[in-house]
Each structure stands twice: as C-alpha cells, then as structure tokens.
C-alpha cells in the first residue's frame, strides 16, 4: 500500500499567502518566547509581557469567526438576521449546559475544540500541499498540528490551577496530574513522529517545516504565549485565507487578480462583527477586574467565551462537510 498520494493543490492565492505569513509570525513568536525565557527580568515583568503577547494573539484571532453568520445564511438558505439569531441561540444553549451540567459539557466542548483545530490543520494542509496520506497518517498529522495547544497544556502544570478550578472544580488538579501531562505530551509526540516519518518518505518539506515550527513554539514559548499567538497568527490567519475563497465578492476579486481589493472587502465585512466581539471581550475583562473575587469571575468569563466558540466550531464543521460535496458551497 502506498504511503501517500497526491491530489492537485486547491488553495487560493490568499490561503497560500496566509500560510506563508503565519509561518513567519510563528517563527518570530518563537524568538520572543526564547527572549522571555532568558531575559534578565523579574518574574512578574516576564509574566506581564507573556500575558500581553497572549492577549494580542487572541485578539488577532477574533476576525476569523466574524463571517460565521453570513456563511450560515449561505449554507442554510436563511436570511442573515435569522442565521445570526440561531447562532446566538446555540451559544446561549452551550453556556447553559456549561453552567448547569459542568464537567460533562466542558469535556464535550474541549473535545469539539480539539476536533476543530485539528480539522482546520488538515483542511489547510490538503489544500496547500495536495498531500493525501492514508487516513491514520492524516489523523496523526491533524493532531500534530495542534501542538501549540497540547504541548502548552502539558507544560503548564499547576500554574493555572486556580483559574482552571474556577472554570470547573477539579480541572486544575487534573491538568497538573503527571499522567495527564505525560498523555498530552506523549500523544502529541507519537502523532508528530508518525507525521514526520510519512512526510519525509513522501518528500513533503512543507509539512515537516510546519511541524517543526509548531514543535518549537509549543516547547519554547511560555504556554499562554504559545497558544495565544498560534490561535491568532496561525489558526485564525489561515482560516481567513480559506474564507477568501468562500465569500462571493472576495472570491471574484481574487479570481481577477485584485488581491488587495479582496482583502479590503473581507476586512470591511469582518470589521463590525470583530469590533462587537472585541467590545464583548472588553466588557468581560472589566467585569472580571472589578469583581471582588477576580479568579472566580475569570472562570465565569471563560465559560462565556467557550460557549461563544461552540456555534463557530459547528459552522466550520458544516463548511468542511459542504465543501466535500461539489457545488454545495461555491462562491456565487
């Protein structure tokens, strides 16, 4: 049985550009992470800088979900207001489950998050490189792409115990357990090894390069910096590159080679939803800081943010499924 096959790369120029930029940004983040580790600065200063870089990364990731209501309208045939209403209802229902059901709902959302991130890696890799390895290798490659999530979780230990316990009691202790940390790191290492061997045999240097960047960021940068920067400058940026081929006007501009106009159009569509999301995040931060028990308030805020990600992840799964059926999701 062949180790892998090749299909024609289907990436739009915007996605290719986003992939290249994401690599540069993450390499820069690795450098910043190294500086934070070796700089002769007080620990509280390093922690503040790390938190700042992580926050910037998370904010940069906001635009990638800003067109969800429009994509939902296209997939469903509903109007944009109706699609936005359903989107909000799903987020509200997810929040209710997280609050009322607790650990079981949280486990489901975290599993959905891992699937979302891994599927995003797989879709981009397939579109940009045309590499279609056997399913076990493809699954390993998708999981290996989440190294900036799994490796920081394995490294964080009990640093975030209080915050994690505020999200759900016992979560901090669970994440600090050596066996859990070993499972997270070991699982990623196995997936990375399988991916690296298959990619090397197939001559896929791009896949190997991306894997190396993820490994460096996940192991060298402070945990919050690793995830925050990866979320905004890798996952979010690459998703925006995918959206360039899905939004009709942007896709037409891209097809005519007017890349700058395409970017401006997408930015204009994303502007107000992104500002609204940033405003909501600012309100949550303000409420958290003003609360007499900020750790508990942060836990509640994180549940709200997790709930807001659920409809986004479901929309992206819908997009990916529709994209596999010819004509179901086509710019028009």
Protein backbone atom coordinates (compact mmCIF):
# COMPACT_ATOMS: atom_id res chain seq x y z
CA UNK A 1 0.00 0.00 0.00
CA UNK A 2 1.33 3.42 -0.92
CA UNK A 3 2.28 5.67 1.95
CA UNK A 4 0.55 8.63 0.42
CA UNK A 5 -0.99 10.03 -2.70
CA UNK A 6 -1.01 13.44 -4.25
CA UNK A 7 -4.01 15.40 -5.44
CA UNK A 8 -3.86 18.78 -7.14
CA UNK A 9 -3.42 21.59 -4.60
CA UNK A 10 -6.63 23.59 -4.42
CA UNK A 11 -5.52 26.54 -2.31
CA UNK A 12 -6.47 30.03 -3.41
CA UNK A 13 -3.59 32.53 -3.63
CA UNK A 14 -4.89 34.23 -0.47
CA UNK A 15 -4.62 30.99 1.51
CA UNK A 16 -1.10 30.37 0.24
CA UNK A 17 -0.14 33.90 1.28
CA UNK A 18 -1.78 33.41 4.69
CA UNK A 19 0.13 30.18 5.23
CA UNK A 20 3.45 31.84 4.40
CA UNK A 21 2.73 34.79 6.67
CA UNK A 22 1.64 32.51 9.51
CA UNK A 23 4.99 30.71 9.35
CA UNK A 24 6.91 33.97 9.62
CA UNK A 25 4.79 35.20 12.51
CA UNK A 26 5.19 32.00 14.49
CA UNK A 27 8.94 31.93 13.96
CA UNK A 28 9.02 35.48 15.32
CA UNK A 29 6.92 34.31 18.27
CA UNK A 30 9.42 31.53 18.95
CA UNK A 31 12.13 34.20 19.13
CA UNK A 32 10.02 36.28 21.52
CA UNK A 33 9.40 33.20 23.65
CA UNK A 34 13.10 32.49 23.89
CA UNK A 35 13.80 36.09 24.88
CA UNK A 36 11.18 35.91 27.62
CA UNK A 37 12.84 32.77 28.99
CA UNK A 38 16.40 34.09 29.04
CA UNK A 39 15.90 37.82 29.61
CA UNK A 40 17.24 39.03 32.98
CA UNK A 41 13.86 40.43 34.03
CA UNK A 42 11.83 39.97 37.22
CA UNK A 43 9.33 37.12 37.06
CA UNK A 44 6.35 39.46 37.37
CA UNK A 45 7.57 41.52 34.41
CA UNK A 46 8.03 38.39 32.30
CA UNK A 47 4.56 37.19 33.31
CA UNK A 48 3.02 40.55 32.37
CA UNK A 49 4.78 40.58 28.99
CA UNK A 50 3.70 37.00 28.31
CA UNK A 51 0.11 37.85 29.18
CA UNK A 52 0.27 40.87 26.86
CA UNK A 53 1.58 38.85 23.91
CA UNK A 54 -1.04 36.14 24.54
CA UNK A 55 -3.80 38.75 24.64
CA UNK A 56 -2.62 40.29 21.36
CA UNK A 57 -2.66 36.86 19.74
CA UNK A 58 -6.16 36.12 20.98
CA UNK A 59 -7.43 39.50 19.76
CA UNK A 60 -5.88 38.89 16.34
CA UNK A 61 -7.89 35.68 16.20
CA UNK A 62 -11.26 37.40 16.58
CA UNK A 63 -11.81 38.26 12.87
CA UNK A 64 -11.68 34.64 11.73
CA UNK A 65 -15.14 33.97 13.15
CA UNK A 66 -16.66 37.26 12.02
CA UNK A 67 -18.34 35.93 8.88
CA UNK A 68 -19.98 32.92 10.52
CA UNK A 69 -23.48 34.41 10.28
CA UNK A 70 -23.06 35.05 6.54
CA UNK A 71 -21.71 31.56 5.91
CA UNK A 72 -24.55 30.07 7.96
CA UNK A 73 -27.03 32.01 5.83
CA UNK A 74 -25.48 30.64 2.64
CA UNK A 75 -25.45 27.05 3.87
CA UNK A 76 -28.98 27.12 5.28
CA UNK A 77 -30.75 29.45 2.89
CA UNK A 78 -31.89 31.60 5.81
CA UNK A 79 -31.56 35.37 5.92
CA UNK A 80 -28.51 36.76 7.68
CA UNK A 81 -30.55 38.04 10.70
CA UNK A 82 -32.19 34.64 11.18
CA UNK A 83 -28.83 32.92 10.86
CA UNK A 84 -27.35 35.31 13.43
CA UNK A 85 -30.26 34.61 15.78
CA UNK A 86 -29.79 30.84 15.54
CA UNK A 87 -26.07 31.35 16.05
CA UNK A 88 -26.73 33.32 19.25
CA UNK A 89 -29.24 30.74 20.47
CA UNK A 90 -26.68 27.95 20.08
CA UNK A 91 -24.13 29.98 22.06
CA UNK A 92 -26.70 30.62 24.79
CA UNK A 93 -27.63 26.94 24.95
CA UNK A 94 -23.94 25.98 25.15
CA UNK A 95 -23.43 28.42 28.02
CA UNK A 96 -26.43 26.99 29.85
CA UNK A 97 -25.07 23.46 29.51
CA UNK A 98 -21.62 24.52 30.68
CA UNK A 99 -23.10 26.17 33.76
CA UNK A 100 -25.71 23.53 34.61
CA UNK A 101 -24.04 20.29 33.53
CA UNK A 102 -20.47 21.31 34.32
CA UNK A 103 -17.67 18.79 33.64
CA UNK A 104 -19.51 16.69 31.06
CA UNK A 105 -20.43 19.73 28.95
CA UNK A 106 -16.92 21.13 29.35
CA UNK A 107 -15.39 17.85 28.21
CA UNK A 108 -17.66 17.88 25.13
CA UNK A 109 -16.70 21.48 24.27
CA UNK A 110 -12.99 20.77 24.73
CA UNK A 111 -13.26 17.67 22.52
CA UNK A 112 -15.07 19.74 19.90
CA UNK A 113 -12.30 22.35 20.16
CA UNK A 114 -9.60 19.77 19.57
CA UNK A 115 -11.53 18.43 16.56
CA UNK A 116 -11.99 21.99 15.26
CA UNK A 117 -8.31 22.84 15.47
CA UNK A 118 -7.18 19.50 14.06
CA UNK A 119 -9.67 19.64 11.19
CA UNK A 120 -8.53 23.16 10.37
CA UNK A 121 -4.95 21.95 10.09
CA UNK A 122 -5.99 19.05 7.89
CA UNK A 123 -8.03 21.20 5.51
CA UNK A 124 -5.27 23.75 5.05
CA UNK A 125 -2.60 21.10 4.60
CA UNK A 126 -4.65 19.28 1.97
CA UNK A 127 -5.46 22.49 0.08
CA UNK A 128 -1.95 23.92 0.10
CA UNK A 129 0.19 20.80 -0.40
CA UNK A 130 -2.18 18.39 -2.14
CA UNK A 131 -0.86 15.65 0.15
CA UNK A 132 -3.48 12.99 0.91
CA UNK A 133 -1.86 10.35 3.11
CA UNK A 134 -3.74 7.28 4.37
CA UNK A 135 -6.37 8.08 6.99
CA UNK A 136 -4.31 7.04 10.04
CA UNK A 137 -1.47 9.29 8.92
CA UNK A 138 -3.86 12.11 8.05
CA UNK A 139 -5.39 11.86 11.53
CA UNK A 140 -1.92 11.92 13.09
CA UNK A 141 -0.95 14.95 11.00
CA UNK A 142 -4.11 16.79 12.06
CA UNK A 143 -3.43 16.04 15.73
CA UNK A 144 0.23 17.02 15.36
CA UNK A 145 -0.94 20.40 14.07
CA UNK A 146 -2.49 21.12 17.48
CA UNK A 147 0.87 21.05 19.23
CA UNK A 148 0.58 24.69 20.28
CA UNK A 149 -2.47 23.62 22.32
CA UNK A 150 -1.43 20.19 23.63
CA UNK A 151 2.20 20.95 24.48
CA UNK A 152 1.45 24.12 26.50
CA UNK A 153 -1.27 22.20 28.38
CA UNK A 154 1.28 19.51 29.19
CA UNK A 155 3.80 22.11 30.36
CA UNK A 156 1.54 24.39 32.37
CA UNK A 157 1.26 22.01 35.36
CA UNK A 158 -0.34 23.75 38.31
CA UNK A 159 0.43 27.29 37.14
CA UNK A 160 -3.22 27.86 36.25
CA UNK A 161 -4.73 25.58 38.88
CA UNK A 162 -6.89 28.29 40.49
CA UNK A 163 -8.24 29.55 37.18
CA UNK A 164 -8.91 26.03 35.89
CA UNK A 165 -10.69 25.12 39.12
CA UNK A 166 -12.80 28.26 38.77
CA UNK A 167 -13.95 27.01 35.35
CA UNK A 168 -14.92 23.65 36.85
CA UNK A 169 -13.89 22.21 40.21
CA UNK A 170 -11.05 19.71 39.96
CA UNK A 171 -9.93 20.72 36.48
CA UNK A 172 -6.74 22.36 37.74
CA UNK A 173 -5.73 19.29 39.70
CA UNK A 174 -6.49 17.06 36.71
CA UNK A 175 -4.30 19.11 34.37
CA UNK A 176 -1.48 19.05 36.94
CA UNK A 177 -1.52 15.25 37.24
CA UNK A 178 1.74 13.80 35.86
CA UNK A 179 -0.11 11.05 33.99
CA UNK A 180 -2.32 13.61 32.22
CA UNK A 181 0.64 15.79 31.32
CA UNK A 182 2.51 12.74 30.02
CA UNK A 183 -0.51 11.64 27.98
CA UNK A 184 -0.83 15.08 26.37
CA UNK A 185 2.87 15.37 25.52
CA UNK A 186 3.26 11.70 24.61
CA UNK A 187 0.18 11.66 22.42
CA UNK A 188 1.43 14.68 20.51
CA UNK A 189 4.93 13.20 20.15
CA UNK A 190 3.54 9.97 18.70
CA UNK A 191 1.36 11.90 16.25
CA UNK A 192 4.29 14.13 15.31
CA UNK A 193 6.60 11.15 14.78
CA UNK A 194 4.09 9.37 12.54
CA UNK A 195 3.58 12.58 10.56
CA UNK A 196 7.29 13.32 10.25
CA UNK A 197 8.15 9.82 9.02
CA UNK A 198 5.34 9.77 6.45
CA UNK A 199 6.06 13.33 5.28
CA UNK A 200 9.79 12.62 4.95
CA UNK A 201 9.14 9.50 2.89
CA UNK A 202 6.73 11.46 0.68
CA UNK A 203 9.17 14.35 0.31
CA UNK A 204 6.75 16.82 1.95
CA UNK A 205 9.11 19.51 3.17
CA UNK A 206 6.32 21.99 3.83
CA UNK A 207 4.62 19.57 6.21
CA UNK A 208 7.91 18.94 8.01
CA UNK A 209 8.57 22.66 8.24
CA UNK A 210 5.15 23.40 9.73
CA UNK A 211 5.58 20.56 12.21
CA UNK A 212 8.95 21.94 13.31
CA UNK A 213 7.52 25.43 13.82
CA UNK A 214 4.64 24.08 15.92
CA UNK A 215 7.06 21.99 17.99
CA UNK A 216 9.37 24.95 18.63
CA UNK A 217 6.51 27.23 19.65
CA UNK A 218 4.83 24.65 21.85
CA UNK A 219 8.02 23.76 23.72
CA UNK A 220 9.93 27.05 23.93
CA UNK A 221 7.38 29.85 24.29
CA UNK A 222 5.53 30.43 27.57
CA UNK A 223 2.32 28.34 27.49
CA UNK A 224 -0.09 31.27 27.22
CA UNK A 225 2.04 32.94 24.55
CA UNK A 226 2.27 29.70 22.56
CA UNK A 227 -1.46 29.18 22.40
CA UNK A 228 -2.47 32.84 22.04
CA UNK A 229 -0.07 33.56 19.18
CA UNK A 230 -0.84 30.27 17.44
CA UNK A 231 -4.57 30.93 17.72
CA UNK A 232 -4.40 34.40 16.17
CA UNK A 233 -1.41 34.23 13.85
CA UNK A 234 -1.71 30.65 12.61
CA UNK A 235 -5.17 29.13 13.09
CA UNK A 236 -7.11 32.37 12.67
CA UNK A 237 -5.00 33.74 9.82
CA UNK A 238 -5.18 30.52 7.84
CA UNK A 239 -8.93 30.33 8.35
CA UNK A 240 -9.26 33.87 6.98
CA UNK A 241 -7.27 32.71 3.96
CA UNK A 242 -9.82 29.93 3.45
CA UNK A 243 -12.69 32.42 3.74
CA UNK A 244 -11.26 34.44 0.85
CA UNK A 245 -12.33 31.64 -1.48
CA UNK A 246 -15.78 31.25 0.09
CA UNK A 247 -17.12 34.81 0.24
CA UNK A 248 -18.52 35.51 -3.27
CA UNK A 249 -17.27 39.05 -3.88
CA UNK A 250 -13.88 38.33 -2.38
CA UNK A 251 -13.55 35.18 -4.47
CA UNK A 252 -14.39 37.10 -7.67
CA UNK A 253 -11.82 39.77 -6.87
CA UNK A 254 -9.24 37.07 -6.17
CA UNK A 255 -10.07 35.35 -9.46
CA UNK A 256 -9.39 38.60 -11.32
CA UNK A 257 -6.07 39.03 -9.53
CA UNK A 258 -7.14 42.04 -7.46
CA UNK A 259 -5.82 40.65 -4.18
CA UNK A 260 -5.68 43.96 -2.32
CA UNK A 261 -9.29 44.76 -3.14
CA UNK A 262 -10.27 41.26 -2.00
CA UNK A 263 -8.53 41.76 1.33
CA UNK A 264 -10.14 45.18 1.77
CA UNK A 265 -13.58 43.74 1.04
CA UNK A 266 -13.16 40.90 3.52
CA UNK A 267 -11.83 43.33 6.12
CA UNK A 268 -14.87 45.56 5.63
CA UNK A 269 -17.24 42.62 6.11
CA UNK A 270 -15.39 41.49 9.22
CA UNK A 271 -14.93 44.92 10.80
CA UNK A 272 -18.20 45.40 12.71
CA UNK A 273 -18.55 41.80 13.96
CA UNK A 274 -14.91 41.89 15.07
CA UNK A 275 -15.40 45.19 16.90
CA UNK A 276 -18.51 43.78 18.57
CA UNK A 277 -16.58 40.69 19.69
CA UNK A 278 -13.71 42.85 20.95
CA UNK A 279 -16.20 45.02 22.83
CA UNK A 280 -17.77 41.97 24.46
CA UNK A 281 -14.33 40.73 25.46
CA UNK A 282 -13.50 44.14 26.93
CA UNK A 283 -16.71 44.06 29.00
CA UNK A 284 -15.83 40.60 30.33
CA UNK A 285 -12.33 41.79 31.24
CA UNK A 286 -13.70 44.88 33.01
CA UNK A 287 -16.25 42.83 34.95
CA UNK A 288 -13.57 40.34 35.93
CA UNK A 289 -11.18 43.03 37.18
CA UNK A 290 -13.95 44.80 39.10
CA UNK A 291 -15.16 41.64 40.84
CA UNK A 292 -14.10 41.22 44.48
CA UNK A 293 -13.18 37.62 43.60
CA UNK A 294 -11.41 38.02 40.24
CA UNK A 295 -10.35 34.38 39.91
CA UNK A 296 -13.92 33.14 40.22
CA UNK A 297 -15.06 35.89 37.85
CA UNK A 298 -12.40 34.85 35.33
CA UNK A 299 -13.72 31.30 35.47
CA UNK A 300 -17.24 32.53 34.67
CA UNK A 301 -15.91 34.70 31.84
CA UNK A 302 -14.03 31.77 30.35
CA UNK A 303 -17.25 29.73 30.32
CA UNK A 304 -18.93 32.55 28.38
CA UNK A 305 -16.06 32.63 25.88
CA UNK A 306 -16.13 28.85 25.48
CA UNK A 307 -19.87 28.98 24.83
CA UNK A 308 -19.35 31.62 22.15
CA UNK A 309 -16.90 29.34 20.32
CA UNK A 310 -19.39 26.48 20.02
CA UNK A 311 -21.50 27.87 17.14
CA UNK A 312 -18.32 28.94 15.34
CA UNK A 313 -16.91 25.42 15.53
CA UNK A 314 -20.18 23.92 14.33
CA UNK A 315 -20.34 26.33 11.38
CA UNK A 316 -16.80 25.42 10.34
CA UNK A 317 -17.60 21.71 10.55
CA UNK A 318 -20.63 22.42 8.34
CA UNK A 319 -18.44 24.32 5.86
CA UNK A 320 -15.93 21.48 5.70
CA UNK A 321 -18.66 18.89 5.16
CA UNK A 322 -20.36 21.00 2.49
CA UNK A 323 -17.04 21.62 0.76
CA UNK A 324 -16.66 17.90 0.12
CA UNK A 325 -19.90 17.89 -1.90
CA UNK A 326 -19.38 19.51 -5.32
CA UNK A 327 -21.43 22.66 -5.77
CA UNK A 328 -22.76 22.74 -2.17
CA UNK A 329 -20.52 25.60 -1.08
CA UNK A 330 -19.35 27.59 -4.07
CA UNK A 331 -18.86 31.34 -4.42
CA UNK A 332 -21.73 32.79 -6.43
